[in-house]
């Protein structure tokens, strides 16, 4: 991302400021349709009762003050989208009409609210798209859970945050120690929004400068021909591996049909210690166990629908973190992907695990993820929205995978929202076209939380998938025990 004030001509013209979205961030705007909502979410449940006020309800004033104070670490959450006049590239500008009360919502479940009611509420909230004329996030505080507990539903557009770095607002609001009062806050002053004329001039100068930047790169390459040749060879190999892995059509399943706008939510949790013990015993990774468990669960769901699984190539896309250091902090998304064939046709749990583990070992040694990252970075370098839109349309047309499975390691120590201790957190990814269900996984405080999101018309039995995850894990554990005898 670049800020207009950092450009030499911008400082002369105006004090306004803006930043470009990266190519990958922009792609999530392009993917969005009335039926594919591109927000990333999380449902956090807190223990009772420190967030309440004397009347017994949530102290929403104190919570709003806490959110307002923490937003100083997240300037993006006070910005909205604009677009350049010619290429229509999306940019971030400060929202001079920012209203915290629009984004922070307060609601209640009929007491005593159980997890079923909370899931229904979360499904309704996640069925609604975010308003693109405002900063792209919402934060819902929910009271009325049984046992005096409360919940927080975080909803932020994928162009602002990825599943690897986590939902930024959730991370910013939580602390490692309880605090009775919000931090001191200082007034926020928005920077002026650039005029259409300023954007037009900047865009024209960038377009005129592009050939000279390309020529300079060619001259630098000419000065180191051997190194450049080796780099080109490695790059070409990585890009070819990524193209071969990602650009293929997969056969449809009952879970992979056109989706609608409604969403249903489920979750379940496994014991992290048991997962770690199992991966150690099977000589794999936690991710291998997670993917194997998901494969077994999807197998149960498809068998229940009498879908023929023998020899079926069921592909999962697994996001891979490509951040290398603080220099990557500017972009909300810096992820690539692995494509893993989940062995849903295999009835033996141990063979499913070995199949998954072998693939992930091969992917670690390949350049597939690097190749995808290079293509994304090339789109950033060219600054072309055409490349982003073309790549998005091609991916939507191909449907190169059946399921998204994200797996994010979380903290294994308690976190707090003011004085309230976080009990559990369940992430929720978006659904893309022809994707009736998606899985997000996050560990926290000794538990592995599985967040499931689905289209209720395609997957009315999403609760069965949650149960199938638990059953699949126990099946794998039981199979592993046979290796000890």
Protein backbone atom coordinates (compact mmCIF):
# COMPACT_ATOMS: atom_id res chain seq x y z
CA UNK A 1 0.00 0.00 0.00
CA UNK A 2 1.08 3.54 -0.67
CA UNK A 3 0.01 6.78 0.86
CA UNK A 4 -0.49 9.73 -1.46
CA UNK A 5 1.35 12.11 0.87
CA UNK A 6 4.50 10.01 0.46
CA UNK A 7 4.58 10.83 -3.27
CA UNK A 8 6.68 13.89 -4.16
CA UNK A 9 3.91 15.66 -6.05
CA UNK A 10 1.25 14.99 -3.42
CA UNK A 11 2.94 16.96 -0.64
CA UNK A 12 2.86 20.07 -2.82
CA UNK A 13 -0.75 19.70 -3.85
CA UNK A 14 -2.64 18.73 -0.73
CA UNK A 15 -2.62 17.51 2.83
CA UNK A 16 -5.12 14.80 1.93
CA UNK A 17 -4.14 11.19 2.27
CA UNK A 18 -5.12 7.81 0.87
CA UNK A 19 -3.80 4.28 0.56
CA UNK A 20 -4.24 1.68 -2.15
CA UNK A 21 -5.58 -1.74 -1.35
CA UNK A 22 -3.20 -4.53 -2.28
CA UNK A 23 -4.15 -6.78 -5.20
CA UNK A 24 -5.14 -9.56 -2.83
CA UNK A 25 -7.17 -7.22 -0.62
CA UNK A 26 -8.92 -5.89 -3.74
CA UNK A 27 -9.76 -9.40 -4.90
CA UNK A 28 -12.08 -9.89 -1.94
CA UNK A 29 -14.09 -6.87 -3.07
CA UNK A 30 -14.29 -8.40 -6.54
CA UNK A 31 -15.38 -11.80 -5.18
CA UNK A 32 -18.31 -10.27 -3.32
CA UNK A 33 -21.81 -10.67 -4.76
CA UNK A 34 -25.30 -10.47 -3.17
CA UNK A 35 -24.88 -14.17 -2.25
CA UNK A 36 -21.16 -14.26 -1.36
CA UNK A 37 -20.50 -12.05 1.64
CA UNK A 38 -16.78 -11.49 2.04
CA UNK A 39 -16.59 -10.84 5.76
CA UNK A 40 -14.40 -12.76 8.18
CA UNK A 41 -15.97 -13.28 11.59
CA UNK A 42 -15.45 -14.71 15.04
CA UNK A 43 -17.75 -15.55 17.93
CA UNK A 44 -16.15 -15.03 21.35
CA UNK A 45 -17.81 -16.23 24.56
CA UNK A 46 -16.89 -14.66 27.91
CA UNK A 47 -17.29 -15.88 31.46
CA UNK A 48 -19.65 -14.11 33.87
CA UNK A 49 -20.12 -11.46 35.17
CA UNK A 50 -17.64 -8.49 35.06
CA UNK A 51 -19.04 -6.75 31.95
CA UNK A 52 -22.39 -6.00 33.57
CA UNK A 53 -23.67 -2.72 35.01
CA UNK A 54 -25.74 -2.33 38.23
CA UNK A 55 -28.98 -3.03 36.37
CA UNK A 56 -27.67 -6.47 35.41
CA UNK A 57 -27.26 -5.89 31.68
CA UNK A 58 -24.06 -5.33 29.74
CA UNK A 59 -22.31 -2.04 30.48
CA UNK A 60 -22.38 -0.93 26.86
CA UNK A 61 -21.06 2.57 27.64
CA UNK A 62 -17.90 1.16 29.20
CA UNK A 63 -17.51 -1.29 26.32
CA UNK A 64 -17.89 1.49 23.74
CA UNK A 65 -15.23 3.54 25.53
CA UNK A 66 -12.92 0.53 25.49
CA UNK A 67 -13.46 -0.05 21.76
CA UNK A 68 -12.93 3.65 21.00
CA UNK A 69 -9.63 3.70 22.92
CA UNK A 70 -8.32 0.57 21.19
CA UNK A 71 -9.14 1.83 17.69
CA UNK A 72 -6.05 4.04 17.80
CA UNK A 73 -4.03 0.89 17.03
CA UNK A 74 -6.30 0.08 14.06
CA UNK A 75 -6.56 3.15 11.80
CA UNK A 76 -8.15 1.05 9.05
CA UNK A 77 -11.30 0.70 11.18
CA UNK A 78 -11.95 4.44 10.80
CA UNK A 79 -11.50 4.42 7.04
CA UNK A 80 -13.88 3.77 4.16
CA UNK A 81 -13.54 2.86 0.51
CA UNK A 82 -13.18 5.22 -2.43
CA UNK A 83 -12.11 4.52 -6.02
CA UNK A 84 -9.69 6.26 -8.40
CA UNK A 85 -11.38 8.06 -11.32
CA UNK A 86 -9.88 6.20 -14.30
CA UNK A 87 -8.85 2.68 -13.34
CA UNK A 88 -11.36 2.47 -10.49
CA UNK A 89 -8.73 1.09 -8.15
CA UNK A 90 -10.00 0.90 -4.55
CA UNK A 91 -8.34 3.12 -1.96
CA UNK A 92 -8.72 3.78 1.76
CA UNK A 93 -9.60 7.27 2.99
CA UNK A 94 -10.40 8.51 6.49
CA UNK A 95 -14.15 8.57 7.18
CA UNK A 96 -14.92 12.15 8.21
CA UNK A 97 -18.40 11.02 9.33
CA UNK A 98 -17.22 8.09 11.42
CA UNK A 99 -19.80 7.10 14.05
CA UNK A 100 -18.69 4.47 16.56
CA UNK A 101 -22.28 3.72 17.61
CA UNK A 102 -23.11 2.55 14.08
CA UNK A 103 -20.42 -0.13 14.29
CA UNK A 104 -20.80 -1.20 17.93
CA UNK A 105 -24.14 -2.96 18.39
CA UNK A 106 -25.83 -4.26 21.54
CA UNK A 107 -28.40 -7.05 21.63
CA UNK A 108 -29.75 -9.73 23.95
CA UNK A 109 -30.90 -13.33 23.76
CA UNK A 110 -34.13 -14.36 25.51
CA UNK A 111 -32.89 -15.52 28.93
CA UNK A 112 -31.54 -18.00 29.60
CA UNK A 113 -30.00 -18.06 26.14
CA UNK A 114 -28.16 -21.23 25.19
CA UNK A 115 -25.58 -21.89 22.46
CA UNK A 116 -28.30 -22.83 19.98
CA UNK A 117 -29.84 -19.36 20.27
CA UNK A 118 -26.42 -17.73 20.00
CA UNK A 119 -25.70 -19.69 16.81
CA UNK A 120 -29.05 -18.60 15.34
CA UNK A 121 -28.28 -14.96 16.13
CA UNK A 122 -24.77 -15.23 14.65
CA UNK A 123 -26.23 -16.79 11.50
CA UNK A 124 -28.63 -13.85 11.04
CA UNK A 125 -25.85 -11.30 11.61
CA UNK A 126 -23.47 -13.00 9.17
CA UNK A 127 -26.22 -13.24 6.53
CA UNK A 128 -26.08 -9.46 6.05
CA UNK A 129 -23.44 -7.74 3.92
CA UNK A 130 -21.43 -4.84 5.27
CA UNK A 131 -22.24 -1.32 4.03
CA UNK A 132 -19.47 -0.27 1.62
CA UNK A 133 -20.15 3.42 2.26
CA UNK A 134 -18.88 3.03 5.83
CA UNK A 135 -15.85 1.40 7.49
CA UNK A 136 -16.24 -2.30 6.81
CA UNK A 137 -16.79 -3.80 10.25
CA UNK A 138 -19.38 -4.44 12.95
CA UNK A 139 -19.04 -5.50 16.58
CA UNK A 140 -22.02 -7.06 18.33
CA UNK A 141 -22.13 -7.43 22.13
CA UNK A 142 -24.62 -10.08 23.19
CA UNK A 143 -26.06 -10.54 26.67
CA UNK A 144 -28.51 -13.07 28.04
CA UNK A 145 -26.42 -16.25 27.75
CA UNK A 146 -27.12 -18.88 30.39
CA UNK A 147 -24.91 -18.71 33.45
CA UNK A 148 -24.58 -14.94 33.16
CA UNK A 149 -22.11 -15.22 30.29
CA UNK A 150 -21.87 -12.79 27.38
CA UNK A 151 -20.63 -13.00 23.80
CA UNK A 152 -19.04 -10.81 21.17
CA UNK A 153 -19.54 -11.29 17.43
CA UNK A 154 -16.83 -9.65 15.33
CA UNK A 155 -17.47 -9.07 11.65
CA UNK A 156 -14.88 -7.46 9.35
CA UNK A 157 -14.50 -7.47 5.59
CA UNK A 158 -11.89 -9.83 4.17
CA UNK A 159 -10.23 -6.89 2.39
CA UNK A 160 -9.30 -5.60 5.88
CA UNK A 161 -8.15 -8.80 7.58
CA UNK A 162 -7.23 -12.41 6.82
CA UNK A 163 -7.66 -15.63 8.76
CA UNK A 164 -3.94 -15.89 9.38
CA UNK A 165 -3.39 -12.55 11.06
CA UNK A 166 -6.72 -12.96 12.83
CA UNK A 167 -9.68 -10.64 13.14
CA UNK A 168 -7.75 -7.49 13.99
CA UNK A 169 -10.41 -5.89 16.15
CA UNK A 170 -10.78 -9.02 18.29
CA UNK A 171 -7.02 -9.09 18.84
CA UNK A 172 -6.88 -5.39 19.70
CA UNK A 173 -9.71 -5.55 22.22
CA UNK A 174 -8.30 -8.41 24.26
CA UNK A 175 -5.51 -8.22 26.85
CA UNK A 176 -3.41 -10.72 28.76
CA UNK A 177 -4.52 -9.29 32.13
CA UNK A 178 -7.90 -8.06 33.40
CA UNK A 179 -8.51 -4.29 33.51
CA UNK A 180 -11.36 -2.58 35.31
CA UNK A 181 -11.51 0.57 33.18
CA UNK A 182 -10.90 1.50 29.53
CA UNK A 183 -7.57 3.07 28.64
CA UNK A 184 -7.35 6.88 28.32
CA UNK A 185 -8.37 8.06 24.89
CA UNK A 186 -7.49 11.03 22.72
CA UNK A 187 -9.68 12.65 20.05
CA UNK A 188 -9.32 11.35 16.51
CA UNK A 189 -8.95 13.87 13.70
CA UNK A 190 -9.61 12.51 10.20
CA UNK A 191 -7.30 13.52 7.38
CA UNK A 192 -8.95 15.30 4.44
CA UNK A 193 -10.35 13.13 1.68
CA UNK A 194 -8.60 13.73 -1.67
CA UNK A 195 -10.64 15.45 -4.34
CA UNK A 196 -11.44 13.79 -7.66
CA UNK A 197 -9.00 16.18 -9.35
CA UNK A 198 -6.16 15.19 -7.00
CA UNK A 199 -6.80 11.52 -7.64
CA UNK A 200 -6.92 12.14 -11.38
CA UNK A 201 -3.55 13.94 -11.38
CA UNK A 202 -1.93 11.29 -9.18
CA UNK A 203 -3.23 8.53 -11.44
CA UNK A 204 -1.91 10.24 -14.55
CA UNK A 205 1.55 10.71 -13.02
CA UNK A 206 1.71 7.08 -11.91
CA UNK A 207 0.77 5.90 -15.40
CA UNK A 208 3.43 8.12 -16.97
CA UNK A 209 6.07 6.89 -14.50
CA UNK A 210 5.40 3.18 -15.02
CA UNK A 211 7.56 2.71 -18.20
CA UNK A 212 10.55 4.39 -16.54
CA UNK A 213 10.27 2.18 -13.46
CA UNK A 214 10.14 -0.89 -15.70
CA UNK A 215 13.19 0.30 -17.66
CA UNK A 216 15.14 0.83 -14.45
CA UNK A 217 14.32 -2.71 -13.34
CA UNK A 218 15.54 -4.08 -16.69
CA UNK A 219 18.81 -2.17 -16.39
CA UNK A 220 19.38 -3.51 -12.89
CA UNK A 221 18.72 -7.03 -14.14
CA UNK A 222 21.14 -6.58 -17.03
CA UNK A 223 23.90 -5.79 -14.54
CA UNK A 224 23.61 -9.22 -12.91
CA UNK A 225 22.70 -11.64 -15.76
CA UNK A 226 23.64 -14.93 -14.01
CA UNK A 227 21.73 -14.12 -10.86
CA UNK A 228 18.78 -12.87 -12.90
CA UNK A 229 18.72 -16.04 -15.00
CA UNK A 230 18.65 -18.23 -11.88
CA UNK A 231 15.93 -16.10 -10.31
CA UNK A 232 13.85 -16.29 -13.48
CA UNK A 233 14.16 -20.07 -13.58
CA UNK A 234 13.07 -20.45 -9.95
CA UNK A 235 10.23 -17.99 -10.44
CA UNK A 236 8.98 -19.70 -13.59
CA UNK A 237 9.02 -23.09 -11.86
CA UNK A 238 7.12 -21.74 -8.83
CA UNK A 239 4.49 -20.02 -10.97
CA UNK A 240 4.02 -23.14 -13.11
CA UNK A 241 3.49 -25.29 -10.01
CA UNK A 242 0.91 -22.80 -8.71
CA UNK A 243 -0.94 -22.67 -12.05
CA UNK A 244 -0.98 -26.44 -12.35
CA UNK A 245 -2.33 -26.82 -8.80
CA UNK A 246 -4.90 -24.04 -8.85
CA UNK A 247 -6.31 -23.86 -12.35
CA UNK A 248 -8.38 -26.99 -12.68
CA UNK A 249 -12.07 -27.74 -12.53
CA UNK A 250 -13.30 -30.03 -9.75
CA UNK A 251 -16.41 -32.23 -9.98
CA UNK A 252 -19.45 -31.03 -8.07
CA UNK A 253 -20.96 -32.52 -4.91
CA UNK A 254 -24.28 -31.93 -3.13
CA UNK A 255 -22.39 -29.40 -0.99
CA UNK A 256 -21.04 -27.49 -4.00
CA UNK A 257 -24.00 -25.88 -5.72
CA UNK A 258 -25.07 -22.24 -6.22
CA UNK A 259 -25.41 -20.62 -2.80
CA UNK A 260 -27.85 -18.05 -1.46
CA UNK A 261 -27.38 -15.14 0.98
CA UNK A 262 -28.42 -16.88 4.21
CA UNK A 263 -25.88 -18.38 6.63
CA UNK A 264 -26.03 -20.89 9.45
CA UNK A 265 -23.38 -21.28 12.13
CA UNK A 266 -22.11 -24.23 14.14
CA UNK A 267 -19.05 -24.98 16.23
CA UNK A 268 -17.40 -27.67 18.29
CA UNK A 269 -14.11 -28.09 20.16
CA UNK A 270 -11.46 -30.77 20.63
CA UNK A 271 -8.90 -31.06 23.39
CA UNK A 272 -5.61 -29.57 22.18
CA UNK A 273 -3.55 -31.89 24.38
CA UNK A 274 -5.24 -34.92 22.83
CA UNK A 275 -4.65 -33.52 19.33
CA UNK A 276 -0.96 -32.94 20.06
CA UNK A 277 -0.57 -36.39 21.55
CA UNK A 278 -2.19 -37.91 18.48
CA UNK A 279 -0.04 -36.01 15.98
CA UNK A 280 3.09 -37.01 17.89
CA UNK A 281 2.06 -40.66 17.96
CA UNK A 282 1.29 -40.62 14.21
CA UNK A 283 4.45 -38.63 13.37
CA UNK A 284 2.58 -35.76 11.76
CA UNK A 285 1.48 -32.22 12.53
CA UNK A 286 -1.54 -30.64 14.19
CA UNK A 287 -2.60 -29.47 10.72
CA UNK A 288 -2.43 -33.07 9.46
CA UNK A 289 -4.74 -34.17 12.26
CA UNK A 290 -7.15 -31.30 11.57
CA UNK A 291 -7.33 -32.04 7.83
CA UNK A 292 -7.76 -35.77 8.46
CA UNK A 293 -10.55 -35.11 10.96
CA UNK A 294 -12.29 -32.79 8.48
CA UNK A 295 -11.92 -35.41 5.73
CA UNK A 296 -13.58 -38.03 7.94
CA UNK A 297 -16.37 -35.62 8.87
CA UNK A 298 -17.10 -34.63 5.26
CA UNK A 299 -17.08 -38.33 4.36
CA UNK A 300 -19.82 -38.95 6.93
CA UNK A 301 -21.88 -36.05 5.58
CA UNK A 302 -21.61 -37.17 1.94
CA UNK A 303 -22.21 -40.83 2.74
CA UNK A 304 -25.39 -39.73 4.52
CA UNK A 305 -26.47 -38.18 1.22
CA UNK A 306 -25.64 -41.36 -0.66
CA UNK A 307 -22.99 -39.63 -2.73
CA UNK A 308 -20.61 -42.02 -4.50
CA UNK A 309 -17.15 -41.40 -3.00
CA UNK A 310 -14.92 -44.13 -4.41
CA UNK A 311 -11.97 -42.49 -6.18
CA UNK A 312 -13.50 -39.02 -5.74
CA UNK A 313 -11.00 -36.12 -5.68
CA UNK A 314 -12.32 -33.83 -2.92
CA UNK A 315 -10.08 -30.76 -2.86
CA UNK A 316 -9.57 -28.44 0.08
CA UNK A 317 -7.77 -25.12 -0.15
CA UNK A 318 -5.61 -24.42 2.90
CA UNK A 319 -4.41 -20.81 3.36
CA UNK A 320 -0.67 -20.46 3.96
CA UNK A 321 0.87 -17.48 5.74
CA UNK A 322 3.38 -15.68 3.48
CA UNK A 323 4.26 -12.84 5.86
CA UNK A 324 8.00 -12.60 6.32
CA UNK A 325 8.32 -9.70 8.72
CA UNK A 326 7.19 -6.20 9.71
CA UNK A 327 7.40 -5.07 6.09
CA UNK A 328 4.27 -7.05 5.31
CA UNK A 329 2.17 -5.16 7.83
CA UNK A 330 0.73 -2.76 5.23
CA UNK A 331 -1.49 -5.31 3.49
CA UNK A 332 -4.43 -6.89 5.27
CA UNK A 333 -3.92 -10.15 3.39
CA UNK A 334 -0.60 -11.82 2.62
CA UNK A 335 -1.58 -15.44 2.19
CA UNK A 336 -1.08 -18.08 -0.44
CA UNK A 337 -2.64 -21.54 -0.56
CA UNK A 338 -2.10 -25.25 -0.65
CA UNK A 339 -4.50 -27.49 -2.53
CA UNK A 340 -4.95 -30.75 -0.63
CA UNK A 341 -6.95 -33.73 -1.86
CA UNK A 342 -8.90 -34.91 1.17
CA UNK A 343 -9.33 -38.72 1.05
CA UNK A 344 -13.09 -38.73 1.67
CA UNK A 345 -13.41 -42.02 -0.24
CA UNK A 346 -11.09 -43.83 2.18
CA UNK A 347 -12.92 -45.66 4.97
CA UNK A 348 -9.79 -46.35 7.07
CA UNK A 349 -8.85 -43.45 9.37
CA UNK A 350 -5.13 -44.25 9.49
CA UNK A 351 -4.88 -44.43 5.71
CA UNK A 352 -6.67 -41.08 5.54
CA UNK A 353 -4.07 -39.59 7.86
CA UNK A 354 -1.13 -41.01 5.90
CA UNK A 355 -2.59 -39.72 2.66
CA UNK A 356 -2.96 -36.20 4.10
CA UNK A 357 0.45 -36.24 5.79
CA UNK A 358 2.21 -37.33 2.60
CA UNK A 359 0.61 -34.47 0.66
CA UNK A 360 1.48 -31.79 3.19
CA UNK A 361 5.08 -33.01 3.33
CA UNK A 362 5.29 -32.72 -0.46
CA UNK A 363 3.69 -29.27 -0.43
CA UNK A 364 6.23 -28.03 2.13
CA UNK A 365 9.01 -29.00 -0.29
CA UNK A 366 7.27 -27.55 -3.36
CA UNK A 367 7.07 -23.97 -4.60
CA UNK A 368 3.30 -23.94 -5.09
CA UNK A 369 2.53 -21.44 -2.34
CA UNK A 370 5.48 -19.26 -3.38
CA UNK A 371 4.28 -19.25 -6.99
CA UNK A 372 0.82 -18.07 -6.05
CA UNK A 373 2.35 -15.35 -3.88
CA UNK A 374 4.53 -14.22 -6.78
CA UNK A 375 1.52 -13.83 -9.07
CA UNK A 376 -0.26 -11.77 -6.43
CA UNK A 377 2.81 -9.58 -5.92
CA UNK A 378 3.10 -9.10 -9.70
CA UNK A 379 -0.47 -7.76 -9.75
CA UNK A 380 0.55 -5.36 -6.96
CA UNK A 381 3.62 -4.22 -8.90
CA UNK A 382 1.65 -3.48 -12.07
CA UNK A 383 -1.12 -1.73 -10.12
CA UNK A 384 -3.63 -3.14 -12.62
CA UNK A 385 -7.20 -3.70 -11.51
CA UNK A 386 -7.74 -5.60 -14.77
CA UNK A 387 -5.43 -8.39 -13.58
CA UNK A 388 -7.25 -8.61 -10.25
CA UNK A 389 -10.69 -8.73 -11.87
CA UNK A 390 -9.56 -11.27 -14.49
CA UNK A 391 -8.05 -13.55 -11.86
CA UNK A 392 -11.18 -13.29 -9.71
CA UNK A 393 -13.50 -14.11 -12.61
CA UNK A 394 -11.35 -17.06 -13.67
CA UNK A 395 -11.26 -18.50 -10.15
CA UNK A 396 -15.03 -18.05 -9.77
CA UNK A 397 -15.59 -19.82 -13.08
CA UNK A 398 -13.22 -22.70 -12.39
CA UNK A 399 -14.29 -23.47 -8.80
CA UNK A 400 -10.89 -25.18 -8.24
CA UNK A 401 -11.73 -26.54 -4.77
CA UNK A 402 -14.65 -27.88 -2.75
CA UNK A 403 -13.85 -26.61 0.73
CA UNK A 404 -11.81 -24.00 2.59
CA UNK A 405 -10.08 -25.16 5.78
CA UNK A 406 -8.17 -22.49 7.70
CA UNK A 407 -6.14 -23.40 10.78
CA UNK A 408 -4.77 -20.61 12.96
CA UNK A 409 -2.72 -21.32 16.12
CA UNK A 410 -3.98 -19.17 18.97
CA UNK A 411 -2.68 -18.25 22.43
CA UNK A 412 -2.58 -20.86 25.17
CA UNK A 413 -2.94 -18.33 27.99
CA UNK A 414 -6.08 -16.50 29.21
CA UNK A 415 -7.25 -13.36 27.43
CA UNK A 416 -9.58 -10.72 28.82
CA UNK A 417 -12.07 -8.16 27.57
CA UNK A 418 -11.66 -5.61 30.36
CA UNK A 419 -12.33 -7.85 33.41
CA UNK A 420 -14.15 -10.64 31.56
CA UNK A 421 -12.14 -13.76 30.79
CA UNK A 422 -12.43 -15.18 27.29
CA UNK A 423 -13.88 -18.68 27.55
CA UNK A 424 -13.88 -19.77 23.90
CA UNK A 425 -13.51 -18.36 20.39
CA UNK A 426 -14.79 -19.79 17.11
CA UNK A 427 -13.64 -18.20 13.83
CA UNK A 428 -15.91 -18.09 10.78
CA UNK A 429 -14.63 -17.78 7.17
CA UNK A 430 -16.73 -16.50 4.24
CA UNK A 431 -18.43 -18.74 1.70
CA UNK A 432 -17.36 -18.37 -1.92
CA UNK A 433 -19.49 -19.26 -4.94
CA UNK A 434 -20.53 -22.91 -5.19
CA UNK A 435 -19.22 -23.53 -1.68
CA UNK A 436 -21.97 -24.62 0.68
CA UNK A 437 -19.78 -25.02 3.74
CA UNK A 438 -16.43 -23.79 5.09
CA UNK A 439 -14.32 -24.62 8.15
CA UNK A 440 -12.12 -22.35 10.26
CA UNK A 441 -10.03 -23.69 13.13
CA UNK A 442 -8.35 -21.81 15.97
CA UNK A 443 -6.73 -23.08 19.15
CA UNK A 444 -7.10 -21.24 22.44
CA UNK A 445 -6.35 -22.19 26.05
CA UNK A 446 -6.12 -25.94 25.55
CA UNK A 447 -8.97 -26.27 23.07
CA UNK A 448 -9.13 -26.50 19.27
CA UNK A 449 -12.25 -24.62 18.19
CA UNK A 450 -13.87 -25.55 14.87
CA UNK A 451 -16.05 -22.79 13.41
CA UNK A 452 -18.45 -24.02 10.70
CA UNK A 453 -20.45 -21.81 8.36
CA UNK A 454 -22.90 -22.99 5.73
CA UNK A 455 -25.75 -22.15 3.42
CA UNK A 456 -28.78 -23.57 5.28
CA UNK A 457 -30.54 -24.42 2.01
CA UNK A 458 -27.61 -26.53 0.81
CA UNK A 459 -26.47 -27.79 4.22
CA UNK A 460 -29.51 -27.91 6.53
CA UNK A 461 -27.68 -30.49 8.64
CA UNK A 462 -24.65 -28.34 9.57
CA UNK A 463 -24.98 -29.53 13.18
CA UNK A 464 -24.39 -33.06 11.91
CA UNK A 465 -21.05 -31.92 10.49
CA UNK A 466 -20.01 -30.59 13.92
CA UNK A 467 -20.90 -33.93 15.47
CA UNK A 468 -19.10 -35.73 12.65
CA UNK A 469 -15.90 -33.80 13.44
CA UNK A 470 -15.94 -35.10 17.01
CA UNK A 471 -16.70 -38.64 15.79
CA UNK A 472 -13.97 -38.49 13.15
CA UNK A 473 -11.42 -37.45 15.76
CA UNK A 474 -12.39 -40.29 18.08
CA UNK A 475 -12.20 -42.70 15.15
CA UNK A 476 -8.65 -41.56 14.39
CA UNK A 477 -7.66 -41.85 18.06
CA UNK A 478 -9.06 -45.36 18.26
CA UNK A 479 -7.24 -46.37 15.09
CA UNK A 480 -3.96 -44.94 16.45
CA UNK A 481 -4.31 -47.04 19.60
CA UNK A 482 -4.15 -50.18 17.48
CA UNK A 483 -0.59 -49.23 16.49
CA UNK A 484 0.51 -49.56 20.13
CA UNK A 485 -0.73 -53.12 20.54
